[in-house]
C-alpha atoms as a PDB file:
ATOM      1  CA  MET A   1      61.621  95.630 160.584  1.00  0.00           C
ATOM      2  CA  LYS A   2      60.606  94.859 156.980  1.00  0.00           C
ATOM      3  CA  THR A   3      58.787  98.280 156.705  1.00  0.00           C
ATOM      4  CA  SER A   4      61.688 100.181 157.829  1.00  0.00           C
ATOM      5  CA  LYS A   5      63.908  98.327 155.172  1.00  0.00           C
ATOM      6  CA  GLY A   6      61.250  99.161 152.658  1.00  0.00           C
ATOM      7  CA  ILE A   7      61.023 102.658 153.583  1.00  0.00           C
ATOM      8  CA  SER A   8      64.930 103.302 153.668  1.00  0.00           C
ATOM      9  CA  LEU A   9      65.127 101.573 150.279  1.00  0.00           C
ATOM     10  CA  PHE A  10      62.442 103.751 148.933  1.00  0.00           C
ATOM     11  CA  GLY A  11      64.082 106.815 150.270  1.00  0.00           C
ATOM     12  CA  PHE A  12      67.409 105.805 148.843  1.00  0.00           C
ATOM     13  CA  ALA A  13      65.965 105.258 145.330  1.00  0.00           C
ATOM     14  CA  ALA A  14      64.252 108.736 145.653  1.00  0.00           C
ATOM     15  CA  VAL A  15      67.341 110.602 146.647  1.00  0.00           C
ATOM     16  CA  ILE A  16      69.409 108.950 143.583  1.00  0.00           C
ATOM     17  CA  MET A  17      66.639 109.988 141.196  1.00  0.00           C
ATOM     18  CA  MET A  18      66.548 113.592 142.575  1.00  0.00           C
ATOM     19  CA  MET A  19      70.475 113.640 142.175  1.00  0.00           C
ATOM     20  CA  GLY A  20      70.169 112.533 138.619  1.00  0.00           C
ATOM     21  CA  ILE A  21      67.461 115.218 137.769  1.00  0.00           C
ATOM     22  CA  ALA A  22      69.501 117.949 139.540  1.00  0.00           C
ATOM     23  CA  ALA A  23      72.709 117.066 137.502  1.00  0.00           C
ATOM     24  CA  LYS A  24      70.646 117.104 134.255  1.00  0.00           C
ATOM     25  CA  CYS A  25      69.368 120.579 134.968  1.00  0.00           C
ATOM     26  CA  SER A  26      72.725 121.884 135.977  1.00  0.00           C
ATOM     27  CA  THR A  27      74.094 120.805 132.603  1.00  0.00           C
ATOM     28  CA  THR A  28      71.254 121.966 130.429  1.00  0.00           C
ATOM     29  CA  THR A  29      71.435 125.509 131.877  1.00  0.00           C
ATOM     30  CA  ASP A  30      75.151 125.703 131.290  1.00  0.00           C
ATOM     31  CA  SER A  31      74.895 124.973 127.445  1.00  0.00           C
ATOM     32  CA  SER A  32      72.182 127.548 127.023  1.00  0.00           C
ATOM     33  CA  SER A  33      74.184 130.538 128.509  1.00  0.00           C
ATOM     34  CA  GLY A  34      74.196 132.914 125.384  1.00  0.00           C
ATOM     35  CA  PRO A  35      76.841 133.407 122.820  1.00  0.00           C
ATOM     36  CA  GLN A  36      80.151 131.537 122.685  1.00  0.00           C
ATOM     37  CA  TRP A  37      83.424 132.451 121.517  1.00  0.00           C
ATOM     38  CA  SER A  38      85.222 130.374 118.812  1.00  0.00           C
ATOM     39  CA  VAL A  39      89.083 129.859 119.022  1.00  0.00           C
ATOM     40  CA  GLN A  40      91.869 129.388 116.675  1.00  0.00           C
ATOM     41  CA  VAL A  41      94.880 127.544 117.851  1.00  0.00           C
ATOM     42  CA  ASP A  42      98.012 129.327 116.818  1.00  0.00           C
ATOM     43  CA  LYS A  43     101.398 127.482 116.247  1.00  0.00           C
ATOM     44  CA  VAL A  44     103.608 127.079 119.308  1.00  0.00           C
ATOM     45  CA  ASP A  45     106.217 129.818 119.892  1.00  0.00           C
ATOM     46  CA  PRO A  46     109.268 128.189 121.056  1.00  0.00           C
ATOM     47  CA  GLY A  47     110.623 131.579 122.483  1.00  0.00           C
ATOM     48  CA  ASP A  48     114.204 131.419 123.558  1.00  0.00           C
ATOM     49  CA  VAL A  49     113.985 127.656 124.437  1.00  0.00           C
ATOM     50  CA  ASN A  50     115.639 124.971 122.107  1.00  0.00           C
ATOM     51  CA  LEU A  51     112.323 122.836 121.766  1.00  0.00           C
ATOM     52  CA  ALA A  52     112.232 120.069 119.392  1.00  0.00           C
ATOM     53  CA  ALA A  53     109.850 120.211 116.476  1.00  0.00           C
ATOM     54  CA  SER A  54     108.157 117.109 117.709  1.00  0.00           C
ATOM     55  CA  PHE A  55     107.386 118.731 120.934  1.00  0.00           C
ATOM     56  CA  GLN A  56     105.832 121.855 119.381  1.00  0.00           C
ATOM     57  CA  ILE A  57     103.754 119.772 117.046  1.00  0.00           C
ATOM     58  CA  ALA A  58     102.608 117.588 119.768  1.00  0.00           C
ATOM     59  CA  ILE A  59     101.704 120.421 122.133  1.00  0.00           C
ATOM     60  CA  TYR A  60      99.713 121.960 119.076  1.00  0.00           C
ATOM     61  CA  GLU A  61      97.783 118.632 118.299  1.00  0.00           C
ATOM     62  CA  ASN A  62      97.019 117.765 121.841  1.00  0.00           C
ATOM     63  CA  LEU A  63      95.655 121.254 122.508  1.00  0.00           C
ATOM     64  CA  VAL A  64      93.348 121.205 119.318  1.00  0.00           C
ATOM     65  CA  ASP A  65      91.953 117.942 120.846  1.00  0.00           C
ATOM     66  CA  GLU A  66      91.606 118.938 124.371  1.00  0.00           C
ATOM     67  CA  LEU A  67      89.847 122.210 123.524  1.00  0.00           C
ATOM     68  CA  GLY A  68      87.381 120.145 121.243  1.00  0.00           C
ATOM     69  CA  LYS A  69      86.407 118.040 124.166  1.00  0.00           C
ATOM     70  CA  THR A  70      85.688 121.110 126.597  1.00  0.00           C
ATOM     71  CA  LYS A  71      82.521 122.218 124.711  1.00  0.00           C
ATOM     72  CA  ARG A  72      83.468 125.757 125.729  1.00  0.00           C
ATOM     73  CA  PHE A  73      83.880 127.026 122.122  1.00  0.00           C
ATOM     74  CA  LYS A  74      81.373 127.006 119.210  1.00  0.00           C
ATOM     75  CA  GLN A  75      84.342 125.797 116.919  1.00  0.00           C
ATOM     76  CA  VAL A  76      88.000 125.188 117.240  1.00  0.00           C
ATOM     77  CA  PHE A  77      89.985 126.205 114.227  1.00  0.00           C
ATOM     78  CA  ARG A  78      93.649 125.238 113.301  1.00  0.00           C
ATOM     79  CA  ASP A  79      96.219 128.010 112.540  1.00  0.00           C
ATOM     80  CA  GLY A  80      95.761 129.072 108.873  1.00  0.00           C
ATOM     81  CA  ASP A  81      92.075 127.788 108.689  1.00  0.00           C
ATOM     82  CA  ARG A  82      90.508 129.995 105.902  1.00  0.00           C
ATOM     83  CA  ASN A  83      87.050 129.435 107.632  1.00  0.00           C
ATOM     84  CA  ALA A  84      88.126 131.319 110.786  1.00  0.00           C
ATOM     85  CA  SER A  85      88.185 134.629 108.858  1.00  0.00           C
ATOM     86  CA  ALA A  86      84.448 134.545 108.484  1.00  0.00           C
ATOM     87  CA  VAL A  87      83.743 134.161 112.286  1.00  0.00           C
ATOM     88  CA  SER A  88      83.063 137.362 113.951  1.00  0.00           C
ATOM     89  CA  ASP A  89      83.411 136.011 117.654  1.00  0.00           C
ATOM     90  CA  LEU A  90      86.840 134.693 117.491  1.00  0.00           C
ATOM     91  CA  LEU A  91      89.700 134.411 119.993  1.00  0.00           C
ATOM     92  CA  ILE A  92      93.216 133.372 119.129  1.00  0.00           C
ATOM     93  CA  LEU A  93      95.150 131.165 121.450  1.00  0.00           C
ATOM     94  CA  LYS A  94      98.729 131.915 121.534  1.00  0.00           C
ATOM     95  CA  ARG A  95     101.437 129.991 123.620  1.00  0.00           C
ATOM     96  CA  THR A  96     105.094 130.695 124.256  1.00  0.00           C
ATOM     97  CA  VAL A  97     107.302 128.253 125.752  1.00  0.00           C
ATOM     98  CA  GLN A  98     109.093 129.702 128.785  1.00  0.00           C
ATOM     99  CA  LYS A  99     110.979 126.657 130.090  1.00  0.00           C
ATOM    100  CA  TYR A 100     111.799 123.038 128.962  1.00  0.00           C
ATOM    101  CA  ALA A 101     113.727 120.480 130.864  1.00  0.00           C
ATOM    102  CA  PRO A 102     114.103 117.318 128.608  1.00  0.00           C
ATOM    103  CA  GLY A 103     114.114 114.770 131.278  1.00  0.00           C
ATOM    104  CA  SER A 104     114.765 111.107 130.774  1.00  0.00           C
ATOM    105  CA  GLU A 105     112.430 108.091 130.330  1.00  0.00           C
ATOM    106  CA  THR A 106     115.247 105.586 131.511  1.00  0.00           C
ATOM    107  CA  GLN A 107     115.888 107.618 134.703  1.00  0.00           C
ATOM    108  CA  ARG A 108     112.160 107.737 135.453  1.00  0.00           C
ATOM    109  CA  ALA A 109     111.816 103.988 134.805  1.00  0.00           C
ATOM    110  CA  VAL A 110     114.752 103.200 137.221  1.00  0.00           C
ATOM    111  CA  THR A 111     114.212 105.908 140.061  1.00  0.00           C
ATOM    112  CA  THR A 112     111.172 108.100 140.924  1.00  0.00           C
ATOM    113  CA  PHE A 113     112.976 111.094 141.941  1.00  0.00           C
ATOM    114  CA  SER A 114     114.806 111.996 138.864  1.00  0.00           C
ATOM    115  CA  GLY A 115     114.395 112.186 135.065  1.00  0.00           C
ATOM    116  CA  ALA A 116     111.218 114.534 135.005  1.00  0.00           C
ATOM    117  CA  THR A 117     110.285 116.072 131.568  1.00  0.00           C
ATOM    118  CA  LYS A 118     109.076 119.559 132.513  1.00  0.00           C
ATOM    119  CA  LEU A 119     107.279 122.402 130.195  1.00  0.00           C
ATOM    120  CA  THR A 120     106.155 125.743 131.133  1.00  0.00           C
ATOM    121  CA  VAL A 121     104.089 127.813 128.660  1.00  0.00           C
ATOM    122  CA  ARG A 122     102.603 131.300 128.887  1.00  0.00           C
ATOM    123  CA  SER A 123      99.262 130.884 126.977  1.00  0.00           C
ATOM    124  CA  GLN A 124      97.209 133.949 125.942  1.00  0.00           C
ATOM    125  CA  LEU A 125      93.563 134.202 124.626  1.00  0.00           C
ATOM    126  CA  VAL A 126      93.376 137.406 122.473  1.00  0.00           C
ATOM    127  CA  THR A 127      90.846 139.016 120.303  1.00  0.00           C
ATOM    128  CA  ARG A 128      91.500 139.741 116.594  1.00  0.00           C
ATOM    129  CA  ASP A 129      92.583 143.229 117.616  1.00  0.00           C
ATOM    130  CA  GLY A 130      95.025 142.098 120.207  1.00  0.00           C
ATOM    131  CA  GLN A 131      93.049 142.612 123.412  1.00  0.00           C
ATOM    132  CA  VAL A 132      94.015 139.944 125.940  1.00  0.00           C
ATOM    133  CA  ILE A 133      90.924 138.255 127.372  1.00  0.00           C
ATOM    134  CA  LEU A 134      92.931 135.691 129.464  1.00  0.00           C
ATOM    135  CA  GLU A 135      96.509 135.062 130.280  1.00  0.00           C
ATOM    136  CA  ARG A 136      97.972 132.119 132.313  1.00  0.00           C
ATOM    137  CA  THR A 137     101.262 130.398 132.874  1.00  0.00           C
ATOM    138  CA  VAL A 138     100.837 126.702 132.735  1.00  0.00           C
ATOM    139  CA  ASP A 139     102.916 123.677 133.380  1.00  0.00           C
ATOM    140  CA  GLY A 140     103.131 120.220 131.913  1.00  0.00           C
ATOM    141  CA  ASN A 141     105.333 117.476 133.070  1.00  0.00           C
ATOM    142  CA  VAL A 142     105.928 113.787 133.369  1.00  0.00           C
ATOM    143  CA  ARG A 143     107.426 112.746 136.718  1.00  0.00           C
ATOM    144  CA  PHE A 144     107.075 109.045 136.798  1.00  0.00           C
ATOM    145  CA  MET A 145     106.331 106.512 134.002  1.00  0.00           C
ATOM    146  CA  GLY A 146     105.595 107.586 130.428  1.00  0.00           C
ATOM    147  CA  GLY A 147     107.347 108.952 127.539  1.00  0.00           C
ATOM    148  CA  ASN A 148     108.796 112.319 127.186  1.00  0.00           C
ATOM    149  CA  LEU A 149     105.929 113.487 124.854  1.00  0.00           C
ATOM    150  CA  ARG A 150     103.386 112.794 127.716  1.00  0.00           C
ATOM    151  CA  ALA A 151     104.318 116.080 129.043  1.00  0.00           C
ATOM    152  CA  THR A 152     102.667 117.642 126.079  1.00  0.00           C
ATOM    153  CA  HIS A 153      99.346 115.944 126.546  1.00  0.00           C
ATOM    154  CA  ASN A 154      99.549 116.970 130.328  1.00  0.00           C
ATOM    155  CA  LEU A 155     100.268 120.420 129.391  1.00  0.00           C
ATOM    156  CA  ALA A 156      97.436 120.851 126.892  1.00  0.00           C
ATOM    157  CA  ARG A 157      94.936 119.359 129.358  1.00  0.00           C
ATOM    158  CA  ASN A 158      96.110 121.908 131.987  1.00  0.00           C
ATOM    159  CA  VAL A 159      95.651 124.734 129.260  1.00  0.00           C
ATOM    160  CA  ALA A 160      92.160 123.433 128.358  1.00  0.00           C
ATOM    161  CA  LYS A 161      91.170 123.311 132.182  1.00  0.00           C
ATOM    162  CA  GLY A 162      92.408 126.590 132.911  1.00  0.00           C
ATOM    163  CA  ILE A 163      90.159 128.014 130.203  1.00  0.00           C
ATOM    164  CA  THR A 164      87.397 125.834 131.114  1.00  0.00           C
ATOM    165  CA  GLN A 165      87.466 127.059 134.748  1.00  0.00           C
ATOM    166  CA  SER A 166      87.876 130.841 133.823  1.00  0.00           C
ATOM    167  CA  SER A 167      85.000 133.063 133.094  1.00  0.00           C
ATOM    168  CA  LEU A 168      85.405 134.609 129.648  1.00  0.00           C
ATOM    169  CA  GLN A 169      83.705 137.929 128.920  1.00  0.00           C
ATOM    170  CA  VAL A 170      80.695 137.671 126.711  1.00  0.00           C
ATOM    171  CA  PRO A 171      81.586 138.282 122.870  1.00  0.00           C
ATOM    172  CA  SER A 172      81.203 142.023 122.237  1.00  0.00           C
ATOM    173  CA  GLN A 173      81.372 142.090 118.399  1.00  0.00           C
ATOM    174  CA  SER A 174      78.523 139.443 117.793  1.00  0.00           C
ATOM    175  CA  VAL A 175      77.391 137.733 114.515  1.00  0.00           C
ATOM    176  CA  PRO A 176      75.034 139.990 112.160  1.00  0.00           C
ATOM    177  CA  ALA A 177      71.776 138.670 114.021  1.00  0.00           C
ATOM    178  CA  GLN A 178      73.078 139.687 117.417  1.00  0.00           C
ATOM    179  CA  SER A 179      74.461 143.098 116.144  1.00  0.00           C
ATOM    180  CA  GLY A 180      70.850 143.639 114.922  1.00  0.00           C
ATOM    181  CA  GLN A 181      69.726 143.201 118.295  1.00  0.00           C
ATOM    182  CA  ARG A 182      72.200 145.580 119.702  1.00  0.00           C
ATOM    183  CA  SER A 183      71.195 148.287 117.312  1.00  0.00           C
ATOM    184  CA  GLY A 184      67.500 147.618 118.312  1.00  0.00           C
ATOM    185  CA  ALA A 185      68.510 148.243 122.015  1.00  0.00           C
ATOM    186  CA  SER A 186      70.169 151.421 121.002  1.00  0.00           C
ATOM    187  CA  THR A 187      67.099 152.395 119.028  1.00  0.00           C
ATOM    188  CA  LYS A 188      64.990 151.950 122.137  1.00  0.00           C
ATOM    189  CA  LEU A 189      67.381 154.046 124.216  1.00  0.00           C
ATOM    190  CA  VAL A 190      67.059 157.001 121.447  1.00  0.00           C
ATOM    191  CA  ARG A 191      63.208 156.677 121.666  1.00  0.00           C
ATOM    192  CA  SER A 192      63.314 156.952 125.385  1.00  0.00           C
ATOM    193  CA  GLN A 193      65.576 159.934 125.331  1.00  0.00           C
ATOM    194  CA  SER A 194      63.507 161.735 122.669  1.00  0.00           C
ATOM    195  CA  GLY A 195      60.237 160.778 124.590  1.00  0.00           C
ATOM    196  CA  ALA A 196      61.656 162.452 127.670  1.00  0.00           C
ATOM    197  CA  SER A 197      62.464 165.666 126.068  1.00  0.00           C
END
């Protein structure tokens, strides 16, 4: 009886160690998967919606924070950051508010079925030349407890989650070291063509 407990305890410990090693291996392979984009977060376009300035600023600030947490981008730049102009692999995140229902904190506190604050935003990741890499419509809302501005945090988290779960194409216009590698590849192609004729 004691030996079966010892064997099962040893087996359990071995399984836990193997799971830890597998998790470590999977996270290290993701971070070394080639070149990454950098992103510049543009200011929120309220569109045709009457959205308070506090909501626009809260969406912007929450999104800068959430994108920084994802580790999906080399760098996260704010709108107007001069350092962004020197980055070759830059995407620009644009957002346009499509719907907004202000809701009521008081109604949410008293009842659970009314007073929800709702935001719907169309977000686009575009290159400098305007090519759309990713486009999604994302919702953020507060249905139960919490302040109205909590909807902006939920929206930013949902935008960042959508970007993280999507597969972005590899940057085509690369930094100078990588563009040299590209010209080396085309040089090899030219040599193989001239050798064949």
